[in-house]
Structures are given as C-alpha cells and as structure tokens.
Amino acid sequence: MSDTKVLIIDDDEELCELVSEYLSVEGFEVSAVHDGEAGLSKARTGNYDLAILDVMMPKLNGFDVLRNLRETSMLPVLMLTARGDDMERIVGLEIGADDYLPKPFNPRELVARIRAILRRANGEGTDTGLPEKLIVDDLEISASSRSVKLDGRDVVLTSLEFDLLAALARQAGNVVKKEDLSETVLERELSPYDRSLDMHISNLRKKLGLHEDGSERIKTVRSVGYIYTVK
C-alpha cells in the first residue's frame, strides 16, 4: 500500500498532523486540507485512493462535501463523527460514506478501517464465494467486473454495497446473520451500536427497488439478519 494516497479533510490541524504522521509510518502517502471547499476540490481531482472526512468544518461541512462528491465520484470516504452522535453516523452513511469512526479514535483502528475499505474498493479480501455469474430472478451479478444488472439495467453500487448484495444473493431465500455480514463484509465484529450494516442495506434497498409484485427484495429478519427474497 506504499502508493496509496489518502486525503484528510479536517479543520483540526493538530489532529491532521498526528494522523498524517501515523499513516505515513504505515506506508500511506498523506495530504491534508482544513476546510470543506478545498477538500471537495482536491477529492474531485482523482488523485487520491481514499478520503478521511470530518463533519464540522468551515466553508462547507462534511455532509455537503460528501453530497457534492457523490454526484461525480465514488472515491471511498471514511467519515469522522462525534462520539455518541448516531444522527451524524446515519446521515453520513445515507449520503454515501463507506464507513465512519467516532472521535477520539485509536490510530490502529483507523488504519484497520482504511485497509478494509481499500480492500473492498479493490475487490480484495471479501470471500463472498461468488461464481462468475450469479442470476437470481431479474438480478444478475458479475464477479469479475463487480457489476450488477437489474432487468438488464446497470445498477451503480459502492464496493461495500456490491459485497453486501453478493453475500445476500448467494444465499437467496435464506437468512444471512448480521454477525456474519459484519465479519465478512465490514471485516469487524458486530457491535451493539454499530448502524453501518443497517444503513448500507437501506441504501441498497433504495437502489434495487421492489420486486415487480411490490414485495421487498431485501427483508429484515428482526434481531437476526437479512434475506434476499426470491419470487
């Protein structure tokens, strides 16, 4: 990962310096900017592999940066949120963040999250057991191109959404436990207050829509997991 370029967008200059030093030691090439407008401009250049994005910033807050970025780019984004602020996490994931990390955080956890996101973005490390072509009703998933078609139409998914859908479609008609999805897709144990899976599933539902008969494609089995339904 020595060529991996990370952009930090955070107005806390001291934090940026500390994170930059730590990530540099871990082999990342790091740049930092301290306001939302500059961050959005740099993130749009296509010169970075991942952005670390704070929520509260001058000129443009993190949500607006992410909202604008997602109009043209699928650059992986890890959001930094206030500890205990569920709303920040939910909004960030709804807009299209790949993951979040509450402040203050352990630098080792930050590196672990970054590497997990990058593995997903590169199609590495997630063992979905997916054949080259998986067809479930009108859904077609291609493993090599990591692409999805629904009734012949392309569906644009984030790398994490693709891996989630692949894991569910592979077990279509059966319940997949949240714990298993968290470990195989997010690459971490499920914690009681982690809303990441719920929000990514919610985004996936919006993109896939309903079956022709109006039924849900992905159903929640309360306190257990999710099921990709078959007609």
Protein backbone atom coordinates (compact mmCIF):
# COMPACT_ATOMS: atom_id res chain seq x y z
CA MET A 1 0.00 0.00 0.00
CA SER A 2 3.03 2.29 -0.32
CA ASP A 3 1.43 4.05 -3.32
CA THR A 4 -1.89 4.57 -1.58
CA LYS A 5 -2.80 8.25 -1.36
CA VAL A 6 -5.03 9.40 1.49
CA LEU A 7 -6.63 12.84 1.73
CA ILE A 8 -7.55 14.16 5.20
CA ILE A 9 -10.23 16.87 5.26
CA ASP A 10 -10.43 18.23 8.81
CA ASP A 11 -10.06 21.71 10.31
CA ASP A 12 -8.24 20.33 13.38
CA GLU A 13 -4.68 20.92 12.19
CA GLU A 14 -3.10 19.18 15.18
CA LEU A 15 -5.18 16.06 14.59
CA CYS A 16 -4.30 16.13 10.89
CA GLU A 17 -0.62 16.29 11.74
CA LEU A 18 -0.81 13.38 14.18
CA VAL A 19 -2.87 11.23 11.78
CA SER A 20 -0.58 12.11 8.87
CA GLU A 21 2.48 11.03 10.84
CA TYR A 22 0.88 7.77 11.89
CA LEU A 23 -0.39 6.92 8.40
CA SER A 24 2.94 7.82 6.83
CA VAL A 25 4.67 5.32 9.11
CA GLU A 26 2.12 2.74 7.96
CA GLY A 27 3.12 3.36 4.34
CA PHE A 28 0.43 5.77 3.15
CA GLU A 29 1.06 8.98 1.24
CA VAL A 30 -0.96 11.64 3.06
CA SER A 31 -2.22 15.14 2.20
CA ALA A 32 -4.36 17.33 4.46
CA VAL A 33 -6.66 20.31 3.90
CA HIS A 34 -8.56 22.22 6.55
CA ASP A 35 -11.84 23.41 5.05
CA GLY A 36 -14.66 21.78 3.12
CA GLU A 37 -14.31 23.71 -0.13
CA ALA A 38 -10.61 22.91 -0.50
CA GLY A 39 -11.31 19.31 0.49
CA LEU A 40 -14.02 18.88 -2.14
CA SER A 41 -11.80 20.40 -4.81
CA LYS A 42 -8.92 18.04 -4.01
CA ALA A 43 -11.18 14.98 -3.62
CA ARG A 44 -12.55 15.59 -7.13
CA THR A 45 -9.11 15.51 -8.77
CA GLY A 46 -8.99 11.72 -8.90
CA ASN A 47 -5.51 11.77 -7.36
CA TYR A 48 -6.50 10.01 -4.12
CA ASP A 49 -7.46 6.46 -3.15
CA LEU A 50 -9.43 7.41 -0.03
CA ALA A 51 -10.60 10.47 1.90
CA ILE A 52 -10.91 10.86 5.67
CA LEU A 53 -13.65 13.44 6.16
CA ASP A 54 -14.66 15.36 9.29
CA VAL A 55 -18.25 16.55 9.73
CA MET A 56 -17.85 20.00 11.29
CA MET A 57 -15.70 22.28 9.12
CA PRO A 58 -15.63 25.88 7.85
CA LYS A 59 -16.89 26.92 4.37
CA LEU A 60 -18.53 23.55 3.67
CA ASN A 61 -19.42 20.88 6.22
CA GLY A 62 -18.55 17.24 5.73
CA PHE A 63 -22.07 16.24 4.71
CA ASP A 64 -22.14 18.85 1.93
CA VAL A 65 -18.67 17.81 0.79
CA LEU A 66 -19.77 14.17 0.57
CA ARG A 67 -23.10 15.03 -1.08
CA ASN A 68 -21.35 17.04 -3.79
CA LEU A 69 -18.58 14.48 -4.21
CA ARG A 70 -21.03 11.62 -4.72
CA GLU A 71 -22.57 13.40 -7.73
CA THR A 72 -19.46 12.58 -9.76
CA SER A 73 -17.18 10.30 -7.74
CA MET A 74 -17.21 7.01 -5.87
CA LEU A 75 -13.97 7.85 -4.01
CA PRO A 76 -14.00 5.78 -0.78
CA VAL A 77 -14.78 8.02 2.20
CA LEU A 78 -14.30 7.36 5.91
CA MET A 79 -16.20 9.91 7.99
CA LEU A 80 -15.08 11.11 11.40
CA THR A 81 -18.10 11.65 13.65
CA ALA A 82 -18.73 12.90 17.17
CA ARG A 83 -18.75 10.06 19.69
CA GLY A 84 -22.28 9.08 20.62
CA ASP A 85 -23.88 11.11 17.81
CA ASP A 86 -25.94 8.49 16.00
CA MET A 87 -27.51 11.08 13.70
CA GLU A 88 -24.13 12.08 12.24
CA ARG A 89 -23.33 8.46 11.51
CA ILE A 90 -26.72 7.75 9.94
CA VAL A 91 -26.67 10.85 7.74
CA GLY A 92 -23.10 10.19 6.62
CA LEU A 93 -23.88 6.61 5.62
CA GLU A 94 -27.12 7.66 3.91
CA ILE A 95 -25.26 10.18 1.77
CA GLY A 96 -22.69 7.59 0.75
CA ALA A 97 -19.85 7.29 3.27
CA ASP A 98 -18.17 3.89 3.17
CA ASP A 99 -17.69 3.79 6.93
CA TYR A 100 -17.40 6.04 9.98
CA LEU A 101 -15.17 6.31 13.02
CA PRO A 102 -16.14 8.27 16.15
CA LYS A 103 -13.67 10.76 17.66
CA PRO A 104 -11.49 10.28 19.60
CA PHE A 105 -10.22 7.12 17.94
CA ASN A 106 -7.38 4.66 18.22
CA PRO A 107 -4.95 5.15 15.29
CA ARG A 108 -4.70 1.39 14.86
CA GLU A 109 -8.48 1.21 14.43
CA LEU A 110 -8.26 3.98 11.82
CA VAL A 111 -5.66 2.04 9.84
CA ALA A 112 -7.72 -1.16 10.10
CA ARG A 113 -10.83 0.64 8.79
CA ILE A 114 -8.88 2.27 5.95
CA ARG A 115 -7.35 -1.02 4.84
CA ALA A 116 -10.73 -2.79 4.97
CA ILE A 117 -12.33 -0.06 2.84
CA LEU A 118 -9.50 -0.20 0.31
CA ARG A 119 -9.67 -3.99 0.07
CA ARG A 120 -13.37 -3.72 -0.70
CA ALA A 121 -12.77 -0.96 -3.24
CA ASN A 122 -10.18 -3.17 -4.98
CA GLY A 123 -12.38 -6.25 -4.80
CA GLU A 124 -9.97 -7.99 -2.45
CA GLY A 125 -10.34 -9.73 0.86
CA THR A 126 -14.07 -10.36 0.84
CA ASP A 127 -14.86 -14.03 0.34
CA THR A 128 -18.42 -14.00 -0.97
CA GLY A 129 -17.99 -17.41 -2.65
CA LEU A 130 -19.48 -15.80 -5.75
CA PRO A 131 -19.47 -17.63 -9.10
CA GLU A 132 -18.52 -15.59 -12.19
CA LYS A 133 -22.20 -15.02 -12.97
CA LEU A 134 -24.94 -15.18 -10.35
CA ILE A 135 -28.53 -14.80 -11.52
CA VAL A 136 -31.46 -14.54 -9.11
CA ASP A 137 -34.73 -13.77 -10.92
CA ASP A 138 -34.11 -10.44 -12.73
CA LEU A 139 -30.87 -9.74 -10.79
CA GLU A 140 -27.54 -10.52 -12.46
CA ILE A 141 -24.22 -10.15 -10.62
CA SER A 142 -20.84 -10.40 -12.36
CA ALA A 143 -17.92 -11.27 -10.07
CA SER A 144 -15.02 -10.27 -12.35
CA SER A 145 -16.38 -6.84 -13.30
CA ARG A 146 -18.09 -6.38 -9.93
CA SER A 147 -21.16 -5.14 -11.78
CA VAL A 148 -24.88 -5.55 -11.19
CA LYS A 149 -27.79 -5.54 -13.64
CA LEU A 150 -31.45 -5.45 -12.73
CA ASP A 151 -33.81 -6.44 -15.53
CA GLY A 152 -30.95 -5.64 -17.94
CA ARG A 153 -30.25 -2.17 -16.46
CA ASP A 154 -26.96 -1.31 -14.78
CA VAL A 155 -27.18 -0.60 -11.05
CA VAL A 156 -24.38 1.60 -9.68
CA LEU A 157 -23.28 0.35 -6.26
CA THR A 158 -20.46 1.21 -3.90
CA SER A 159 -17.91 -1.56 -3.34
CA LEU A 160 -19.43 -2.30 0.06
CA GLU A 161 -22.98 -2.41 -1.34
CA PHE A 162 -21.78 -4.83 -4.03
CA ASP A 163 -20.24 -7.15 -1.45
CA LEU A 164 -23.36 -7.00 0.72
CA LEU A 165 -25.63 -7.79 -2.21
CA ALA A 166 -23.35 -10.60 -3.36
CA ALA A 167 -23.36 -12.17 0.10
CA LEU A 168 -27.16 -11.97 0.30
CA ALA A 169 -27.84 -13.10 -3.29
CA ARG A 170 -25.53 -16.08 -2.90
CA GLN A 171 -27.83 -17.22 -0.08
CA ALA A 172 -31.04 -16.01 -1.79
CA GLY A 173 -34.12 -17.25 0.02
CA ASN A 174 -32.17 -17.85 3.24
CA VAL A 175 -31.46 -15.60 6.20
CA VAL A 176 -27.90 -14.27 6.45
CA LYS A 177 -26.98 -13.28 10.00
CA LYS A 178 -25.89 -9.72 10.71
CA GLU A 179 -22.87 -11.04 12.59
CA ASP A 180 -21.73 -12.96 9.50
CA LEU A 181 -22.23 -9.97 7.20
CA SER A 182 -20.31 -7.71 9.56
CA GLU A 183 -17.37 -10.09 9.75
CA THR A 184 -17.18 -10.94 6.05
CA VAL A 185 -18.08 -7.55 4.51
CA LEU A 186 -17.16 -4.92 7.11
CA GLU A 187 -14.31 -7.10 8.39
CA ARG A 188 -15.11 -6.49 12.04
CA GLU A 189 -17.23 -7.99 14.79
CA LEU A 190 -20.73 -6.62 15.06
CA SER A 191 -21.11 -4.21 17.96
CA PRO A 192 -24.45 -3.31 19.60
CA TYR A 193 -24.44 0.34 18.49
CA ASP A 194 -22.96 -0.04 15.01
CA ARG A 195 -25.54 1.14 12.47
CA SER A 196 -23.34 0.69 9.40
CA LEU A 197 -24.96 -2.51 8.14
CA ASP A 198 -28.49 -1.18 8.60
CA MET A 199 -27.73 1.99 6.66
CA HIS A 200 -25.88 0.25 3.83
CA ILE A 201 -28.77 -2.21 3.50
CA SER A 202 -31.19 0.74 3.44
CA ASN A 203 -29.20 2.37 0.62
CA LEU A 204 -29.11 -0.93 -1.24
CA ARG A 205 -32.88 -1.27 -0.97
CA LYS A 206 -33.37 2.20 -2.47
CA LYS A 207 -31.14 1.40 -5.42
CA LEU A 208 -32.71 -2.01 -6.12
CA GLY A 209 -36.33 -1.03 -5.58
CA LEU A 210 -39.08 -3.63 -5.18
CA HIS A 211 -39.93 -6.83 -6.98
CA GLU A 212 -42.48 -6.46 -9.79
CA ASP A 213 -45.22 -7.62 -7.42
CA GLY A 214 -44.35 -4.81 -4.96
CA SER A 215 -42.65 -7.02 -2.39
CA GLU A 216 -39.30 -6.16 -0.81
CA ARG A 217 -36.17 -7.58 -2.36
CA ILE A 218 -34.26 -7.47 0.92
CA LYS A 219 -36.24 -8.25 4.06
CA THR A 220 -35.08 -7.67 7.62
CA VAL A 221 -35.47 -10.60 9.97
CA ARG A 222 -35.63 -8.78 13.29
CA SER A 223 -32.69 -9.37 15.63
CA VAL A 224 -31.25 -11.97 13.23
CA GLY A 225 -30.27 -10.64 9.82
CA TYR A 226 -31.43 -10.13 6.25
CA ILE A 227 -32.79 -12.22 3.42
CA TYR A 228 -32.73 -11.60 -0.34
CA THR A 229 -36.18 -12.80 -1.35
CA VAL A 230 -36.92 -14.89 -4.45
CA LYS A 231 -40.14 -14.75 -6.41
